[in-house]
Amino acid sequence: FYHIYYHLEAIKVVVDKNDFYVITANSSIDLYGHIYKDHFYPVDPTKNLIAWYGKCCNKDQFNFTIELLVGTQYILVVTTYNPYDTGPFLVTVFGSYPVRFERISE
């Protein structure tokens, strides 16, 4: 899925408290979500992958329930199911504590 025809966005996820969080997306296009621990390597998309979610063709969006720990770097990579697709999307996190997103790719 890291072909030149697919758009992706990498977002650092930072937590201040260990807890379980729900990370969801909303968009009019089909999205995949991938969560990496420590570092994201586009040339080896399975390295450091700890969770992924995505379905095709019915506008399902990703929805994770995942334990995130303080002091661990997490990268959320959002990409499209279909090549050449682009469009706005919204990522929302539900949990007992605040979560910060830091964009790390254009």
C-alpha atoms as a PDB file:
ATOM      1  CA  PHE A   1       0.000   0.000   0.000  1.00  0.00           C
ATOM      2  CA  TYR A   2       2.992   2.330  -0.070  1.00  0.00           C
ATOM      3  CA  HIS A   3       2.990   2.676  -3.827  1.00  0.00           C
ATOM      4  CA  ILE A   4       3.442   6.139  -5.334  1.00  0.00           C
ATOM      5  CA  TYR A   5      -0.235   6.252  -6.337  1.00  0.00           C
ATOM      6  CA  TYR A   6      -1.475   5.998  -2.750  1.00  0.00           C
ATOM      7  CA  HIS A   7      -1.666   9.003  -0.472  1.00  0.00           C
ATOM      8  CA  LEU A   8      -0.658   8.481   3.136  1.00  0.00           C
ATOM      9  CA  GLU A   9      -0.410  10.619   6.216  1.00  0.00           C
ATOM     10  CA  ALA A  10       1.748   9.792   9.239  1.00  0.00           C
ATOM     11  CA  ILE A  11       0.687  11.179  12.611  1.00  0.00           C
ATOM     12  CA  LYS A  12       2.548  10.824  15.905  1.00  0.00           C
ATOM     13  CA  VAL A  13       0.216   9.845  18.767  1.00  0.00           C
ATOM     14  CA  VAL A  14       1.288  11.025  22.242  1.00  0.00           C
ATOM     15  CA  VAL A  15      -0.368  10.004  25.517  1.00  0.00           C
ATOM     16  CA  ASP A  16       0.252  11.263  29.051  1.00  0.00           C
ATOM     17  CA  LYS A  17      -1.367   8.298  30.829  1.00  0.00           C
ATOM     18  CA  ASN A  18      -1.267   4.549  30.209  1.00  0.00           C
ATOM     19  CA  ASP A  19      -4.755   3.471  29.168  1.00  0.00           C
ATOM     20  CA  PHE A  20      -6.899   1.884  26.497  1.00  0.00           C
ATOM     21  CA  TYR A  21      -7.967   4.303  23.764  1.00  0.00           C
ATOM     22  CA  VAL A  22     -10.369   4.035  20.835  1.00  0.00           C
ATOM     23  CA  ILE A  23      -9.045   5.608  17.619  1.00  0.00           C
ATOM     24  CA  THR A  24     -11.550   6.072  14.811  1.00  0.00           C
ATOM     25  CA  ALA A  25     -11.739   7.779  11.429  1.00  0.00           C
ATOM     26  CA  ASN A  26     -14.482   9.430   9.446  1.00  0.00           C
ATOM     27  CA  SER A  27     -14.302  10.177   5.721  1.00  0.00           C
ATOM     28  CA  SER A  28     -16.239   9.841   2.488  1.00  0.00           C
ATOM     29  CA  ILE A  29     -13.408   7.666   1.091  1.00  0.00           C
ATOM     30  CA  ASP A  30     -12.276   4.203   2.186  1.00  0.00           C
ATOM     31  CA  LEU A  31      -9.391   4.463   4.632  1.00  0.00           C
ATOM     32  CA  TYR A  32      -6.917   2.078   6.179  1.00  0.00           C
ATOM     33  CA  GLY A  33      -5.347   2.810   9.544  1.00  0.00           C
ATOM     34  CA  HIS A  34      -2.055   1.355  10.741  1.00  0.00           C
ATOM     35  CA  ILE A  35      -0.382   1.864  14.105  1.00  0.00           C
ATOM     36  CA  TYR A  36       3.372   1.482  14.458  1.00  0.00           C
ATOM     37  CA  LYS A  37       5.515   1.372  17.571  1.00  0.00           C
ATOM     38  CA  ASP A  38       8.732   3.432  17.650  1.00  0.00           C
ATOM     39  CA  HIS A  39       9.189   4.094  13.922  1.00  0.00           C
ATOM     40  CA  PHE A  40       7.415   3.800  10.583  1.00  0.00           C
ATOM     41  CA  TYR A  41       9.443   2.462   7.641  1.00  0.00           C
ATOM     42  CA  PRO A  42       7.595   3.060   4.321  1.00  0.00           C
ATOM     43  CA  VAL A  43       9.852   0.572   2.512  1.00  0.00           C
ATOM     44  CA  ASP A  44       9.010  -2.164   5.054  1.00  0.00           C
ATOM     45  CA  PRO A  45       5.387  -1.547   6.105  1.00  0.00           C
ATOM     46  CA  THR A  46       5.195  -4.641   8.336  1.00  0.00           C
ATOM     47  CA  LYS A  47       8.153  -3.616  10.505  1.00  0.00           C
ATOM     48  CA  ASN A  48       6.981  -2.268  13.891  1.00  0.00           C
ATOM     49  CA  LEU A  49       3.320  -2.677  12.868  1.00  0.00           C
ATOM     50  CA  ILE A  50       1.253  -3.386  15.992  1.00  0.00           C
ATOM     51  CA  ALA A  51      -2.298  -2.909  14.673  1.00  0.00           C
ATOM     52  CA  TRP A  52      -4.136  -2.240  11.423  1.00  0.00           C
ATOM     53  CA  TYR A  53      -7.715  -1.933  10.330  1.00  0.00           C
ATOM     54  CA  GLY A  54      -9.446  -1.352   7.040  1.00  0.00           C
ATOM     55  CA  LYS A  55     -12.215  -2.679   4.842  1.00  0.00           C
ATOM     56  CA  CYS A  56     -12.969  -2.036   1.218  1.00  0.00           C
ATOM     57  CA  CYS A  57     -15.871  -0.762  -0.777  1.00  0.00           C
ATOM     58  CA  ASN A  58     -18.467   0.064   1.862  1.00  0.00           C
ATOM     59  CA  LYS A  59     -16.999   3.239   3.320  1.00  0.00           C
ATOM     60  CA  ASP A  60     -16.053   1.518   6.562  1.00  0.00           C
ATOM     61  CA  GLN A  61     -13.406   3.428   8.418  1.00  0.00           C
ATOM     62  CA  PHE A  62     -10.830   2.170  10.843  1.00  0.00           C
ATOM     63  CA  ASN A  63     -11.692   1.709  14.495  1.00  0.00           C
ATOM     64  CA  PHE A  64      -9.037   0.536  16.982  1.00  0.00           C
ATOM     65  CA  THR A  65      -9.221  -0.198  20.669  1.00  0.00           C
ATOM     66  CA  ILE A  66      -5.606  -0.244  21.753  1.00  0.00           C
ATOM     67  CA  GLU A  67      -3.532   0.151  24.895  1.00  0.00           C
ATOM     68  CA  LEU A  68      -1.115   3.060  24.583  1.00  0.00           C
ATOM     69  CA  LEU A  69       1.734   3.578  27.042  1.00  0.00           C
ATOM     70  CA  VAL A  70       3.475   6.743  28.205  1.00  0.00           C
ATOM     71  CA  GLY A  71       6.983   7.131  26.814  1.00  0.00           C
ATOM     72  CA  THR A  72       6.365   4.932  23.780  1.00  0.00           C
ATOM     73  CA  GLN A  73       6.295   6.515  20.355  1.00  0.00           C
ATOM     74  CA  TYR A  74       3.267   5.546  18.267  1.00  0.00           C
ATOM     75  CA  ILE A  75       2.724   6.486  14.632  1.00  0.00           C
ATOM     76  CA  LEU A  76      -0.733   6.343  13.081  1.00  0.00           C
ATOM     77  CA  VAL A  77      -0.531   5.981   9.307  1.00  0.00           C
ATOM     78  CA  VAL A  78      -3.716   6.749   7.400  1.00  0.00           C
ATOM     79  CA  THR A  79      -3.914   5.687   3.768  1.00  0.00           C
ATOM     80  CA  THR A  80      -6.586   5.146   1.150  1.00  0.00           C
ATOM     81  CA  TYR A  81      -7.923   1.846  -0.090  1.00  0.00           C
ATOM     82  CA  ASN A  82      -7.969   2.925  -3.739  1.00  0.00           C
ATOM     83  CA  PRO A  83      -5.057   4.444  -5.663  1.00  0.00           C
ATOM     84  CA  TYR A  84      -5.292   8.139  -6.507  1.00  0.00           C
ATOM     85  CA  ASP A  85      -7.993   8.732  -3.868  1.00  0.00           C
ATOM     86  CA  THR A  86      -7.554  11.806  -1.722  1.00  0.00           C
ATOM     87  CA  GLY A  87      -9.922  13.685   0.494  1.00  0.00           C
ATOM     88  CA  PRO A  88     -10.509  15.042   3.946  1.00  0.00           C
ATOM     89  CA  PHE A  89     -10.724  12.766   6.946  1.00  0.00           C
ATOM     90  CA  LEU A  90     -11.206  13.168  10.671  1.00  0.00           C
ATOM     91  CA  VAL A  91      -9.435  11.085  13.304  1.00  0.00           C
ATOM     92  CA  THR A  92     -11.058  10.981  16.742  1.00  0.00           C
ATOM     93  CA  VAL A  93      -9.735   9.434  19.946  1.00  0.00           C
ATOM     94  CA  PHE A  94     -11.907   8.356  22.851  1.00  0.00           C
ATOM     95  CA  GLY A  95     -10.358   7.670  26.233  1.00  0.00           C
ATOM     96  CA  SER A  96     -10.142   8.765  29.836  1.00  0.00           C
ATOM     97  CA  TYR A  97      -7.185  11.064  29.187  1.00  0.00           C
ATOM     98  CA  PRO A  98      -6.205  13.587  26.501  1.00  0.00           C
ATOM     99  CA  VAL A  99      -4.202  12.483  23.453  1.00  0.00           C
ATOM    100  CA  ARG A 100      -2.046  14.726  21.247  1.00  0.00           C
ATOM    101  CA  PHE A 101      -1.528  14.316  17.515  1.00  0.00           C
ATOM    102  CA  GLU A 102       1.620  15.634  15.838  1.00  0.00           C
ATOM    103  CA  ARG A 103       1.658  15.572  12.043  1.00  0.00           C
ATOM    104  CA  ILE A 104       4.914  14.100  10.740  1.00  0.00           C
ATOM    105  CA  SER A 105       4.224  13.992   7.010  1.00  0.00           C
ATOM    106  CA  GLU A 106       2.672  16.280   4.436  1.00  0.00           C
END
